[in-house]
Amino acid sequence: MILEAAMLQVKAGMQQEFETAFAQAQTIIASMPGYHWHQLQRCLEVEGKYLLLVGWDSVAAHEQGFRQSAGYQEWKRLLHHFYQPFPVVEHFEQVEPASRPLG
């Protein structure tokens, strides 16, 4: 499994509207082949900053499967106008051995 990470900076004053749109858009990504899970985290220090994490089977599941789907066009319509600047999306893989929780 790979991890997609995107730091999202939402335009000032649009955070609530973004969160409402994301609640709708998340059903799109969750329906994609190769999707496992996602989290949207709100930054406590910087207003309008969010971290989106998505677990995928592979980079291809995200880049070709999701981004080339009809659902992605709706995702773009719902969310892309909120970002300034447009986010950089990166993919990560776990380094073995995996860590275990302390205690």
PDB file of N, CA and C in Angstrom:
ATOM      1  N   MET A   1       0.843  -1.178   0.000  1.00  0.00           N
ATOM      2  CA  MET A   1       0.000   0.000   0.000  1.00  0.00           C
ATOM      3  C   MET A   1       0.887   1.239   0.000  1.00  0.00           C
ATOM      4  N   ILE A   2       0.436   2.289  -0.668  1.00  0.00           N
ATOM      5  CA  ILE A   2       1.144   3.556  -0.679  1.00  0.00           C
ATOM      6  C   ILE A   2       0.271   4.615  -0.010  1.00  0.00           C
ATOM      7  N   LEU A   3       0.929   5.682   0.427  1.00  0.00           N
ATOM      8  CA  LEU A   3       0.250   6.784   1.086  1.00  0.00           C
ATOM      9  C   LEU A   3       0.369   8.019   0.215  1.00  0.00           C
ATOM     10  N   GLU A   4      -0.763   8.586  -0.139  1.00  0.00           N
ATOM     11  CA  GLU A   4      -0.804   9.879  -0.823  1.00  0.00           C
ATOM     12  C   GLU A   4      -0.908  10.943   0.254  1.00  0.00           C
ATOM     13  N   ALA A   5      -0.089  11.985   0.152  1.00  0.00           N
ATOM     14  CA  ALA A   5      -0.139  13.093   1.110  1.00  0.00           C
ATOM     15  C   ALA A   5      -0.205  14.404   0.340  1.00  0.00           C
ATOM     16  N   ALA A   6      -1.158  15.245   0.728  1.00  0.00           N
ATOM     17  CA  ALA A   6      -1.303  16.552   0.091  1.00  0.00           C
ATOM     18  C   ALA A   6      -1.554  17.593   1.174  1.00  0.00           C
ATOM     19  N   MET A   7      -0.712  18.628   1.198  1.00  0.00           N
ATOM     20  CA  MET A   7      -0.920  19.755   2.087  1.00  0.00           C
ATOM     21  C   MET A   7      -1.808  20.735   1.334  1.00  0.00           C
ATOM     22  N   LEU A   8      -2.957  21.031   1.889  1.00  0.00           N
ATOM     23  CA  LEU A   8      -3.944  21.878   1.225  1.00  0.00           C
ATOM     24  C   LEU A   8      -4.033  23.218   1.944  1.00  0.00           C
ATOM     25  N   GLN A   9      -3.844  24.309   1.230  1.00  0.00           N
ATOM     26  CA  GLN A   9      -4.056  25.634   1.791  1.00  0.00           C
ATOM     27  C   GLN A   9      -5.323  26.194   1.171  1.00  0.00           C
ATOM     28  N   VAL A  10      -6.338  26.350   2.018  1.00  0.00           N
ATOM     29  CA  VAL A  10      -7.647  26.827   1.567  1.00  0.00           C
ATOM     30  C   VAL A  10      -7.671  28.352   1.666  1.00  0.00           C
ATOM     31  N   LYS A  11      -8.257  28.986   0.667  1.00  0.00           N
ATOM     32  CA  LYS A  11      -8.350  30.448   0.631  1.00  0.00           C
ATOM     33  C   LYS A  11      -9.012  30.976   1.903  1.00  0.00           C
ATOM     34  N   ALA A  12      -8.550  32.128   2.344  1.00  0.00           N
ATOM     35  CA  ALA A  12      -9.047  32.747   3.583  1.00  0.00           C
ATOM     36  C   ALA A  12     -10.564  32.894   3.570  1.00  0.00           C
ATOM     37  N   GLY A  13     -11.168  32.522   4.674  1.00  0.00           N
ATOM     38  CA  GLY A  13     -12.612  32.661   4.836  1.00  0.00           C
ATOM     39  C   GLY A  13     -13.446  31.583   4.186  1.00  0.00           C
ATOM     40  N   MET A  14     -12.808  30.595   3.568  1.00  0.00           N
ATOM     41  CA  MET A  14     -13.550  29.567   2.841  1.00  0.00           C
ATOM     42  C   MET A  14     -13.465  28.197   3.516  1.00  0.00           C
ATOM     43  N   GLN A  15     -12.958  28.136   4.742  1.00  0.00           N
ATOM     44  CA  GLN A  15     -12.736  26.859   5.398  1.00  0.00           C
ATOM     45  C   GLN A  15     -14.028  26.066   5.600  1.00  0.00           C
ATOM     46  N   GLN A  16     -15.067  26.708   6.087  1.00  0.00           N
ATOM     47  CA  GLN A  16     -16.315  25.982   6.344  1.00  0.00           C
ATOM     48  C   GLN A  16     -16.927  25.472   5.037  1.00  0.00           C
ATOM     49  N   GLU A  17     -16.895  26.304   4.022  1.00  0.00           N
ATOM     50  CA  GLU A  17     -17.421  25.898   2.715  1.00  0.00           C
ATOM     51  C   GLU A  17     -16.603  24.725   2.162  1.00  0.00           C
ATOM     52  N   PHE A  18     -15.272  24.781   2.336  1.00  0.00           N
ATOM     53  CA  PHE A  18     -14.404  23.688   1.896  1.00  0.00           C
ATOM     54  C   PHE A  18     -14.754  22.395   2.623  1.00  0.00           C
ATOM     55  N   GLU A  19     -14.892  22.453   3.933  1.00  0.00           N
ATOM     56  CA  GLU A  19     -15.191  21.247   4.708  1.00  0.00           C
ATOM     57  C   GLU A  19     -16.537  20.651   4.308  1.00  0.00           C
ATOM     58  N   THR A  20     -17.492  21.488   4.006  1.00  0.00           N
ATOM     59  CA  THR A  20     -18.799  21.001   3.542  1.00  0.00           C
ATOM     60  C   THR A  20     -18.665  20.320   2.177  1.00  0.00           C
ATOM     61  N   ALA A  21     -17.906  20.940   1.279  1.00  0.00           N
ATOM     62  CA  ALA A  21     -17.691  20.356  -0.054  1.00  0.00           C
ATOM     63  C   ALA A  21     -16.901  19.057   0.053  1.00  0.00           C
ATOM     64  N   PHE A  22     -15.911  19.024   0.957  1.00  0.00           N
ATOM     65  CA  PHE A  22     -15.123  17.809   1.123  1.00  0.00           C
ATOM     66  C   PHE A  22     -15.990  16.660   1.631  1.00  0.00           C
ATOM     67  N   ALA A  23     -16.922  16.947   2.525  1.00  0.00           N
ATOM     68  CA  ALA A  23     -17.823  15.906   3.031  1.00  0.00           C
ATOM     69  C   ALA A  23     -18.578  15.247   1.878  1.00  0.00           C
ATOM     70  N   GLN A  24     -18.917  16.016   0.874  1.00  0.00           N
ATOM     71  CA  GLN A  24     -19.586  15.468  -0.310  1.00  0.00           C
ATOM     72  C   GLN A  24     -18.582  14.749  -1.209  1.00  0.00           C
ATOM     73  N   ALA A  25     -17.417  15.356  -1.437  1.00  0.00           N
ATOM     74  CA  ALA A  25     -16.426  14.817  -2.371  1.00  0.00           C
ATOM     75  C   ALA A  25     -15.804  13.510  -1.873  1.00  0.00           C
ATOM     76  N   GLN A  26     -15.726  13.325  -0.567  1.00  0.00           N
ATOM     77  CA  GLN A  26     -15.057  12.127  -0.053  1.00  0.00           C
ATOM     78  C   GLN A  26     -15.749  10.839  -0.474  1.00  0.00           C
ATOM     79  N   THR A  27     -17.025  10.897  -0.771  1.00  0.00           N
ATOM     80  CA  THR A  27     -17.713   9.694  -1.241  1.00  0.00           C
ATOM     81  C   THR A  27     -17.209   9.274  -2.622  1.00  0.00           C
ATOM     82  N   ILE A  28     -16.733  10.252  -3.406  1.00  0.00           N
ATOM     83  CA  ILE A  28     -16.195   9.959  -4.736  1.00  0.00           C
ATOM     84  C   ILE A  28     -14.908   9.161  -4.614  1.00  0.00           C
ATOM     85  N   ILE A  29     -13.973   9.672  -3.832  1.00  0.00           N
ATOM     86  CA  ILE A  29     -12.679   9.002  -3.712  1.00  0.00           C
ATOM     87  C   ILE A  29     -12.828   7.634  -3.050  1.00  0.00           C
ATOM     88  N   ALA A  30     -13.732   7.549  -2.094  1.00  0.00           N
ATOM     89  CA  ALA A  30     -13.936   6.285  -1.374  1.00  0.00           C
ATOM     90  C   ALA A  30     -14.516   5.188  -2.264  1.00  0.00           C
ATOM     91  N   SER A  31     -15.079   5.569  -3.401  1.00  0.00           N
ATOM     92  CA  SER A  31     -15.680   4.576  -4.304  1.00  0.00           C
ATOM     93  C   SER A  31     -14.703   4.060  -5.360  1.00  0.00           C
ATOM     94  N   MET A  32     -13.479   4.570  -5.370  1.00  0.00           N
ATOM     95  CA  MET A  32     -12.524   4.239  -6.424  1.00  0.00           C
ATOM     96  C   MET A  32     -11.844   2.889  -6.190  1.00  0.00           C
ATOM     97  N   PRO A  33     -11.609   2.123  -7.250  1.00  0.00           N
ATOM     98  CA  PRO A  33     -10.829   0.890  -7.120  1.00  0.00           C
ATOM     99  C   PRO A  33      -9.428   1.202  -6.594  1.00  0.00           C
ATOM    100  N   GLY A  34      -8.944   0.399  -5.675  1.00  0.00           N
ATOM    101  CA  GLY A  34      -7.618   0.597  -5.115  1.00  0.00           C
ATOM    102  C   GLY A  34      -7.566   1.508  -3.911  1.00  0.00           C
ATOM    103  N   TYR A  35      -8.687   2.147  -3.583  1.00  0.00           N
ATOM    104  CA  TYR A  35      -8.771   3.021  -2.410  1.00  0.00           C
ATOM    105  C   TYR A  35      -8.887   2.170  -1.144  1.00  0.00           C
ATOM    106  N   HIS A  36      -8.203   2.591  -0.056  1.00  0.00           N
ATOM    107  CA  HIS A  36      -8.314   1.908   1.233  1.00  0.00           C
ATOM    108  C   HIS A  36      -8.941   2.780   2.309  1.00  0.00           C
ATOM    109  N   TRP A  37      -8.448   4.001   2.469  1.00  0.00           N
ATOM    110  CA  TRP A  37      -8.913   4.882   3.541  1.00  0.00           C
ATOM    111  C   TRP A  37      -8.445   6.310   3.255  1.00  0.00           C
ATOM    112  N   HIS A  38      -9.004   7.268   3.993  1.00  0.00           N
ATOM    113  CA  HIS A  38      -8.506   8.644   3.905  1.00  0.00           C
ATOM    114  C   HIS A  38      -8.754   9.361   5.227  1.00  0.00           C
ATOM    115  N   GLN A  39      -7.989  10.423   5.421  1.00  0.00           N
ATOM    116  CA  GLN A  39      -8.160  11.318   6.561  1.00  0.00           C
ATOM    117  C   GLN A  39      -7.945  12.739   6.076  1.00  0.00           C
ATOM    118  N   LEU A  40      -8.758  13.657   6.564  1.00  0.00           N
ATOM    119  CA  LEU A  40      -8.537  15.082   6.360  1.00  0.00           C
ATOM    120  C   LEU A  40      -8.284  15.674   7.734  1.00  0.00           C
ATOM    121  N   GLN A  41      -7.110  16.257   7.917  1.00  0.00           N
ATOM    122  CA  GLN A  41      -6.710  16.835   9.192  1.00  0.00           C
ATOM    123  C   GLN A  41      -6.627  18.355   9.044  1.00  0.00           C
ATOM    124  N   ARG A  42      -7.183  19.085  10.034  1.00  0.00           N
ATOM    125  CA  ARG A  42      -7.118  20.548  10.060  1.00  0.00           C
ATOM    126  C   ARG A  42      -5.929  20.970  10.916  1.00  0.00           C
ATOM    127  N   CYS A  43      -5.096  21.855  10.403  1.00  0.00           N
ATOM    128  CA  CYS A  43      -3.926  22.352  11.122  1.00  0.00           C
ATOM    129  C   CYS A  43      -4.376  23.266  12.263  1.00  0.00           C
ATOM    130  N   LEU A  44      -3.760  23.104  13.413  1.00  0.00           N
ATOM    131  CA  LEU A  44      -4.093  23.924  14.571  1.00  0.00           C
ATOM    132  C   LEU A  44      -3.326  25.242  14.594  1.00  0.00           C
ATOM    133  N   GLU A  45      -2.185  25.297  13.922  1.00  0.00           N
ATOM    134  CA  GLU A  45      -1.357  26.494  13.964  1.00  0.00           C
ATOM    135  C   GLU A  45      -1.602  27.471  12.811  1.00  0.00           C
ATOM    136  N   VAL A  46      -2.007  26.956  11.661  1.00  0.00           N
ATOM    137  CA  VAL A  46      -2.150  27.794  10.473  1.00  0.00           C
ATOM    138  C   VAL A  46      -3.591  27.716   9.979  1.00  0.00           C
ATOM    139  N   GLU A  47      -4.272  28.843  10.015  1.00  0.00           N
ATOM    140  CA  GLU A  47      -5.665  28.886   9.575  1.00  0.00           C
ATOM    141  C   GLU A  47      -5.770  28.532   8.093  1.00  0.00           C
ATOM    142  N   GLY A  48      -6.702  27.649   7.773  1.00  0.00           N
ATOM    143  CA  GLY A  48      -6.957  27.268   6.389  1.00  0.00           C
ATOM    144  C   GLY A  48      -6.054  26.177   5.844  1.00  0.00           C
ATOM    145  N   LYS A  49      -5.162  25.650   6.694  1.00  0.00           N
ATOM    146  CA  LYS A  49      -4.246  24.608   6.245  1.00  0.00           C
ATOM    147  C   LYS A  49      -4.779  23.244   6.661  1.00  0.00           C
ATOM    148  N   TYR A  50      -4.759  22.295   5.706  1.00  0.00           N
ATOM    149  CA  TYR A  50      -5.252  20.944   5.925  1.00  0.00           C
ATOM    150  C   TYR A  50      -4.231  19.953   5.384  1.00  0.00           C
ATOM    151  N   LEU A  51      -4.263  18.760   5.937  1.00  0.00           N
ATOM    152  CA  LEU A  51      -3.457  17.649   5.439  1.00  0.00           C
ATOM    153  C   LEU A  51      -4.401  16.544   5.014  1.00  0.00           C
ATOM    154  N   LEU A  52      -4.320  16.149   3.752  1.00  0.00           N
ATOM    155  CA  LEU A  52      -5.118  15.045   3.237  1.00  0.00           C
ATOM    156  C   LEU A  52      -4.205  13.840   3.068  1.00  0.00           C
ATOM    157  N   LEU A  53      -4.583  12.736   3.691  1.00  0.00           N
ATOM    158  CA  LEU A  53      -3.869  11.470   3.575  1.00  0.00           C
ATOM    159  C   LEU A  53      -4.821  10.447   2.981  1.00  0.00           C
ATOM    160  N   VAL A  54      -4.336   9.690   1.990  1.00  0.00           N
ATOM    161  CA  VAL A  54      -5.167   8.659   1.357  1.00  0.00           C
ATOM    162  C   VAL A  54      -4.318   7.405   1.170  1.00  0.00           C
ATOM    163  N   GLY A  55      -4.848   6.273   1.597  1.00  0.00           N
ATOM    164  CA  GLY A  55      -4.197   4.992   1.375  1.00  0.00           C
ATOM    165  C   GLY A  55      -4.712   4.361   0.087  1.00  0.00           C
ATOM    166  N   TRP A  56      -3.769   3.980  -0.782  1.00  0.00           N
ATOM    167  CA  TRP A  56      -4.086   3.365  -2.073  1.00  0.00           C
ATOM    168  C   TRP A  56      -3.331   2.051  -2.221  1.00  0.00           C
ATOM    169  N   ASP A  57      -3.835   1.174  -3.074  1.00  0.00           N
ATOM    170  CA  ASP A  57      -3.105  -0.046  -3.437  1.00  0.00           C
ATOM    171  C   ASP A  57      -1.768   0.282  -4.085  1.00  0.00           C
ATOM    172  N   SER A  58      -1.768   1.317  -4.937  1.00  0.00           N
ATOM    173  CA  SER A  58      -0.582   1.647  -5.724  1.00  0.00           C
ATOM    174  C   SER A  58      -0.674   3.095  -6.185  1.00  0.00           C
ATOM    175  N   VAL A  59       0.450   3.617  -6.673  1.00  0.00           N
ATOM    176  CA  VAL A  59       0.447   4.947  -7.277  1.00  0.00           C
ATOM    177  C   VAL A  59      -0.484   4.947  -8.489  1.00  0.00           C
ATOM    178  N   ALA A  60      -0.475   3.868  -9.246  1.00  0.00           N
ATOM    179  CA  ALA A  60      -1.337   3.779 -10.434  1.00  0.00           C
ATOM    180  C   ALA A  60      -2.814   3.866 -10.065  1.00  0.00           C
ATOM    181  N   ALA A  61      -3.204   3.282  -8.949  1.00  0.00           N
ATOM    182  CA  ALA A  61      -4.611   3.364  -8.526  1.00  0.00           C
ATOM    183  C   ALA A  61      -5.025   4.822  -8.325  1.00  0.00           C
ATOM    184  N   HIS A  62      -4.106   5.626  -7.836  1.00  0.00           N
ATOM    185  CA  HIS A  62      -4.383   7.045  -7.646  1.00  0.00           C
ATOM    186  C   HIS A  62      -4.239   7.827  -8.957  1.00  0.00           C
ATOM    187  N   GLU A  63      -3.065   7.707  -9.586  1.00  0.00           N
ATOM    188  CA  GLU A  63      -2.747   8.541 -10.746  1.00  0.00           C
ATOM    189  C   GLU A  63      -3.560   8.174 -11.991  1.00  0.00           C
ATOM    190  N   GLN A  64      -3.677   6.885 -12.289  1.00  0.00           N
ATOM    191  CA  GLN A  64      -4.439   6.490 -13.471  1.00  0.00           C
ATOM    192  C   GLN A  64      -5.898   6.189 -13.114  1.00  0.00           C
ATOM    193  N   GLY A  65      -6.098   5.392 -12.074  1.00  0.00           N
ATOM    194  CA  GLY A  65      -7.462   4.994 -11.729  1.00  0.00           C
ATOM    195  C   GLY A  65      -8.343   6.157 -11.316  1.00  0.00           C
ATOM    196  N   PHE A  66      -7.918   6.896 -10.306  1.00  0.00           N
ATOM    197  CA  PHE A  66      -8.733   7.999  -9.794  1.00  0.00           C
ATOM    198  C   PHE A  66      -8.656   9.224 -10.696  1.00  0.00           C
ATOM    199  N   ARG A  67      -7.458   9.672 -10.988  1.00  0.00           N
ATOM    200  CA  ARG A  67      -7.307  10.939 -11.719  1.00  0.00           C
ATOM    201  C   ARG A  67      -7.790  10.879 -13.157  1.00  0.00           C
ATOM    202  N   GLN A  68      -7.954   9.696 -13.714  1.00  0.00           N
ATOM    203  CA  GLN A  68      -8.469   9.591 -15.075  1.00  0.00           C
ATOM    204  C   GLN A  68      -9.926   9.149 -15.109  1.00  0.00           C
ATOM    205  N   SER A  69     -10.576   9.176 -13.953  1.00  0.00           N
ATOM    206  CA  SER A  69     -11.971   8.744 -13.867  1.00  0.00           C
ATOM    207  C   SER A  69     -12.931   9.924 -14.034  1.00  0.00           C
ATOM    208  N   ALA A  70     -14.175   9.601 -14.365  1.00  0.00           N
ATOM    209  CA  ALA A  70     -15.220  10.623 -14.417  1.00  0.00           C
ATOM    210  C   ALA A  70     -15.446  11.221 -13.031  1.00  0.00           C
ATOM    211  N   GLY A  71     -15.292  10.406 -11.992  1.00  0.00           N
ATOM    212  CA  GLY A  71     -15.450  10.896 -10.626  1.00  0.00           C
ATOM    213  C   GLY A  71     -14.463  11.995 -10.279  1.00  0.00           C
ATOM    214  N   TYR A  72     -13.261  11.926 -10.853  1.00  0.00           N
ATOM    215  CA  TYR A  72     -12.255  12.948 -10.583  1.00  0.00           C
ATOM    216  C   TYR A  72     -12.692  14.308 -11.121  1.00  0.00           C
ATOM    217  N   GLN A  73     -13.410  14.316 -12.219  1.00  0.00           N
ATOM    218  CA  GLN A  73     -13.906  15.594 -12.758  1.00  0.00           C
ATOM    219  C   GLN A  73     -14.860  16.253 -11.764  1.00  0.00           C
ATOM    220  N   GLU A  74     -15.676  15.458 -11.105  1.00  0.00           N
ATOM    221  CA  GLU A  74     -16.578  15.991 -10.075  1.00  0.00           C
ATOM    222  C   GLU A  74     -15.787  16.424  -8.847  1.00  0.00           C
ATOM    223  N   TRP A  75     -14.768  15.642  -8.450  1.00  0.00           N
ATOM    224  CA  TRP A  75     -13.873  16.004  -7.335  1.00  0.00           C
ATOM    225  C   TRP A  75     -13.254  17.383  -7.593  1.00  0.00           C
ATOM    226  N   LYS A  76     -12.734  17.568  -8.809  1.00  0.00           N
ATOM    227  CA  LYS A  76     -12.140  18.856  -9.188  1.00  0.00           C
ATOM    228  C   LYS A  76     -13.165  19.978  -9.099  1.00  0.00           C
ATOM    229  N   ARG A  77     -14.346  19.742  -9.609  1.00  0.00           N
ATOM    230  CA  ARG A  77     -15.394  20.773  -9.588  1.00  0.00           C
ATOM    231  C   ARG A  77     -15.734  21.176  -8.159  1.00  0.00           C
ATOM    232  N   LEU A  78     -15.792  20.199  -7.264  1.00  0.00           N
ATOM    233  CA  LEU A  78     -16.167  20.469  -5.882  1.00  0.00           C
ATOM    234  C   LEU A  78     -15.059  21.144  -5.072  1.00  0.00           C
ATOM    235  N   LEU A  79     -13.790  20.813  -5.357  1.00  0.00           N
ATOM    236  CA  LEU A  79     -12.718  21.195  -4.430  1.00  0.00           C
ATOM    237  C   LEU A  79     -11.622  22.105  -4.971  1.00  0.00           C
ATOM    238  N   HIS A  80     -11.276  22.008  -6.224  1.00  0.00           N
ATOM    239  CA  HIS A  80     -10.056  22.676  -6.685  1.00  0.00           C
ATOM    240  C   HIS A  80     -10.089  24.200  -6.591  1.00  0.00           C
ATOM    241  N   HIS A  81     -11.245  24.809  -6.625  1.00  0.00           N
ATOM    242  CA  HIS A  81     -11.316  26.271  -6.550  1.00  0.00           C
ATOM    243  C   HIS A  81     -11.023  26.823  -5.149  1.00  0.00           C
ATOM    244  N   PHE A  82     -10.917  25.951  -4.149  1.00  0.00           N
ATOM    245  CA  PHE A  82     -10.626  26.392  -2.782  1.00  0.00           C
ATOM    246  C   PHE A  82      -9.136  26.614  -2.531  1.00  0.00           C
ATOM    247  N   TYR A  83      -8.256  26.058  -3.332  1.00  0.00           N
ATOM    248  CA  TYR A  83      -6.831  26.006  -3.013  1.00  0.00           C
ATOM    249  C   TYR A  83      -6.053  27.205  -3.539  1.00  0.00           C
ATOM    250  N   GLN A  84      -5.183  27.752  -2.656  1.00  0.00           N
ATOM    251  CA  GLN A  84      -4.261  28.816  -3.042  1.00  0.00           C
ATOM    252  C   GLN A  84      -3.048  28.744  -2.135  1.00  0.00           C
ATOM    253  N   PRO A  85      -1.921  28.253  -2.623  1.00  0.00           N
ATOM    254  CA  PRO A  85      -1.632  27.771  -3.973  1.00  0.00           C
ATOM    255  C   PRO A  85      -2.177  26.358  -4.178  1.00  0.00           C
ATOM    256  N   PHE A  86      -2.106  25.894  -5.419  1.00  0.00           N
ATOM    257  CA  PHE A  86      -2.551  24.534  -5.709  1.00  0.00           C
ATOM    258  C   PHE A  86      -1.589  23.559  -5.026  1.00  0.00           C
ATOM    259  N   PRO A  87      -2.121  22.517  -4.382  1.00  0.00           N
ATOM    260  CA  PRO A  87      -1.265  21.630  -3.579  1.00  0.00           C
ATOM    261  C   PRO A  87      -0.349  20.729  -4.402  1.00  0.00           C
ATOM    262  N   VAL A  88       0.778  20.413  -3.786  1.00  0.00           N
ATOM    263  CA  VAL A  88       1.672  19.391  -4.305  1.00  0.00           C
ATOM    264  C   VAL A  88       1.242  18.073  -3.678  1.00  0.00           C
ATOM    265  N   VAL A  89       1.062  17.059  -4.492  1.00  0.00           N
ATOM    266  CA  VAL A  89       0.655  15.737  -4.021  1.00  0.00           C
ATOM    267  C   VAL A  89       1.852  14.810  -4.159  1.00  0.00           C
ATOM    268  N   GLU A  90       2.163  14.105  -3.070  1.00  0.00           N
ATOM    269  CA  GLU A  90       3.294  13.181  -3.086  1.00  0.00           C
ATOM    270  C   GLU A  90       2.845  11.809  -2.602  1.00  0.00           C
ATOM    271  N   HIS A  91       3.618  10.799  -2.982  1.00  0.00           N
ATOM    272  CA  HIS A  91       3.322   9.413  -2.618  1.00  0.00           C
ATOM    273  C   HIS A  91       4.463   8.859  -1.778  1.00  0.00           C
ATOM    274  N   PHE A  92       4.116   8.068  -0.769  1.00  0.00           N
ATOM    275  CA  PHE A  92       5.098   7.508   0.150  1.00  0.00           C
ATOM    276  C   PHE A  92       4.852   6.020   0.319  1.00  0.00           C
ATOM    277  N   GLU A  93       5.933   5.313   0.632  1.00  0.00           N
ATOM    278  CA  GLU A  93       5.809   3.902   0.976  1.00  0.00           C
ATOM    279  C   GLU A  93       6.456   3.693   2.335  1.00  0.00           C
ATOM    280  N   GLN A  94       5.933   2.747   3.065  1.00  0.00           N
ATOM    281  CA  GLN A  94       6.421   2.466   4.416  1.00  0.00           C
ATOM    282  C   GLN A  94       7.818   1.877   4.379  1.00  0.00           C
ATOM    283  N   VAL A  95       8.640   2.312   5.285  1.00  0.00           N
ATOM    284  CA  VAL A  95       9.989   1.766   5.443  1.00  0.00           C
ATOM    285  C   VAL A  95       9.907   0.658   6.482  1.00  0.00           C
ATOM    286  N   GLU A  96      10.411  -0.494   6.141  1.00  0.00           N
ATOM    287  CA  GLU A  96      10.368  -1.636   7.050  1.00  0.00           C
ATOM    288  C   GLU A  96      11.602  -1.638   7.925  1.00  0.00           C
ATOM    289  N   PRO A  97      11.561  -2.153   9.136  1.00  0.00           N
ATOM    290  CA  PRO A  97      10.358  -2.728   9.722  1.00  0.00           C
ATOM    291  C   PRO A  97       9.418  -1.630  10.236  1.00  0.00           C
ATOM    292  N   ALA A  98       8.144  -1.935  10.238  1.00  0.00           N
ATOM    293  CA  ALA A  98       7.147  -0.991  10.724  1.00  0.00           C
ATOM    294  C   ALA A  98       7.348  -0.791  12.217  1.00  0.00           C
ATOM    295  N   SER A  99       7.116   0.420  12.665  1.00  0.00           N
ATOM    296  CA  SER A  99       7.237   0.706  14.092  1.00  0.00           C
ATOM    297  C   SER A  99       6.001   0.184  14.818  1.00  0.00           C
ATOM    298  N   ARG A 100       6.177  -0.068  16.097  1.00  0.00           N
ATOM    299  CA  ARG A 100       5.062  -0.490  16.939  1.00  0.00           C
ATOM    300  C   ARG A 100       4.792   0.589  17.972  1.00  0.00           C
ATOM    301  N   PRO A 101       3.543   0.739  18.408  1.00  0.00           N
ATOM    302  CA  PRO A 101       3.234   1.734  19.438  1.00  0.00           C
ATOM    303  C   PRO A 101       4.045   1.475  20.714  1.00  0.00           C
ATOM    304  N   LEU A 102       4.469   2.556  21.364  1.00  0.00           N
ATOM    305  CA  LEU A 102       5.183   2.443  22.625  1.00  0.00           C
ATOM    306  C   LEU A 102       4.246   2.028  23.741  1.00  0.00           C
ATOM    307  N   GLY A 103       4.801   1.326  24.712  1.00  0.00           N
ATOM    308  CA  GLY A 103       4.052   1.026  25.923  1.00  0.00           C
ATOM    309  C   GLY A 103       3.280  -0.203  25.842  1.00  0.00           C
TER     310      GLY A 103
END
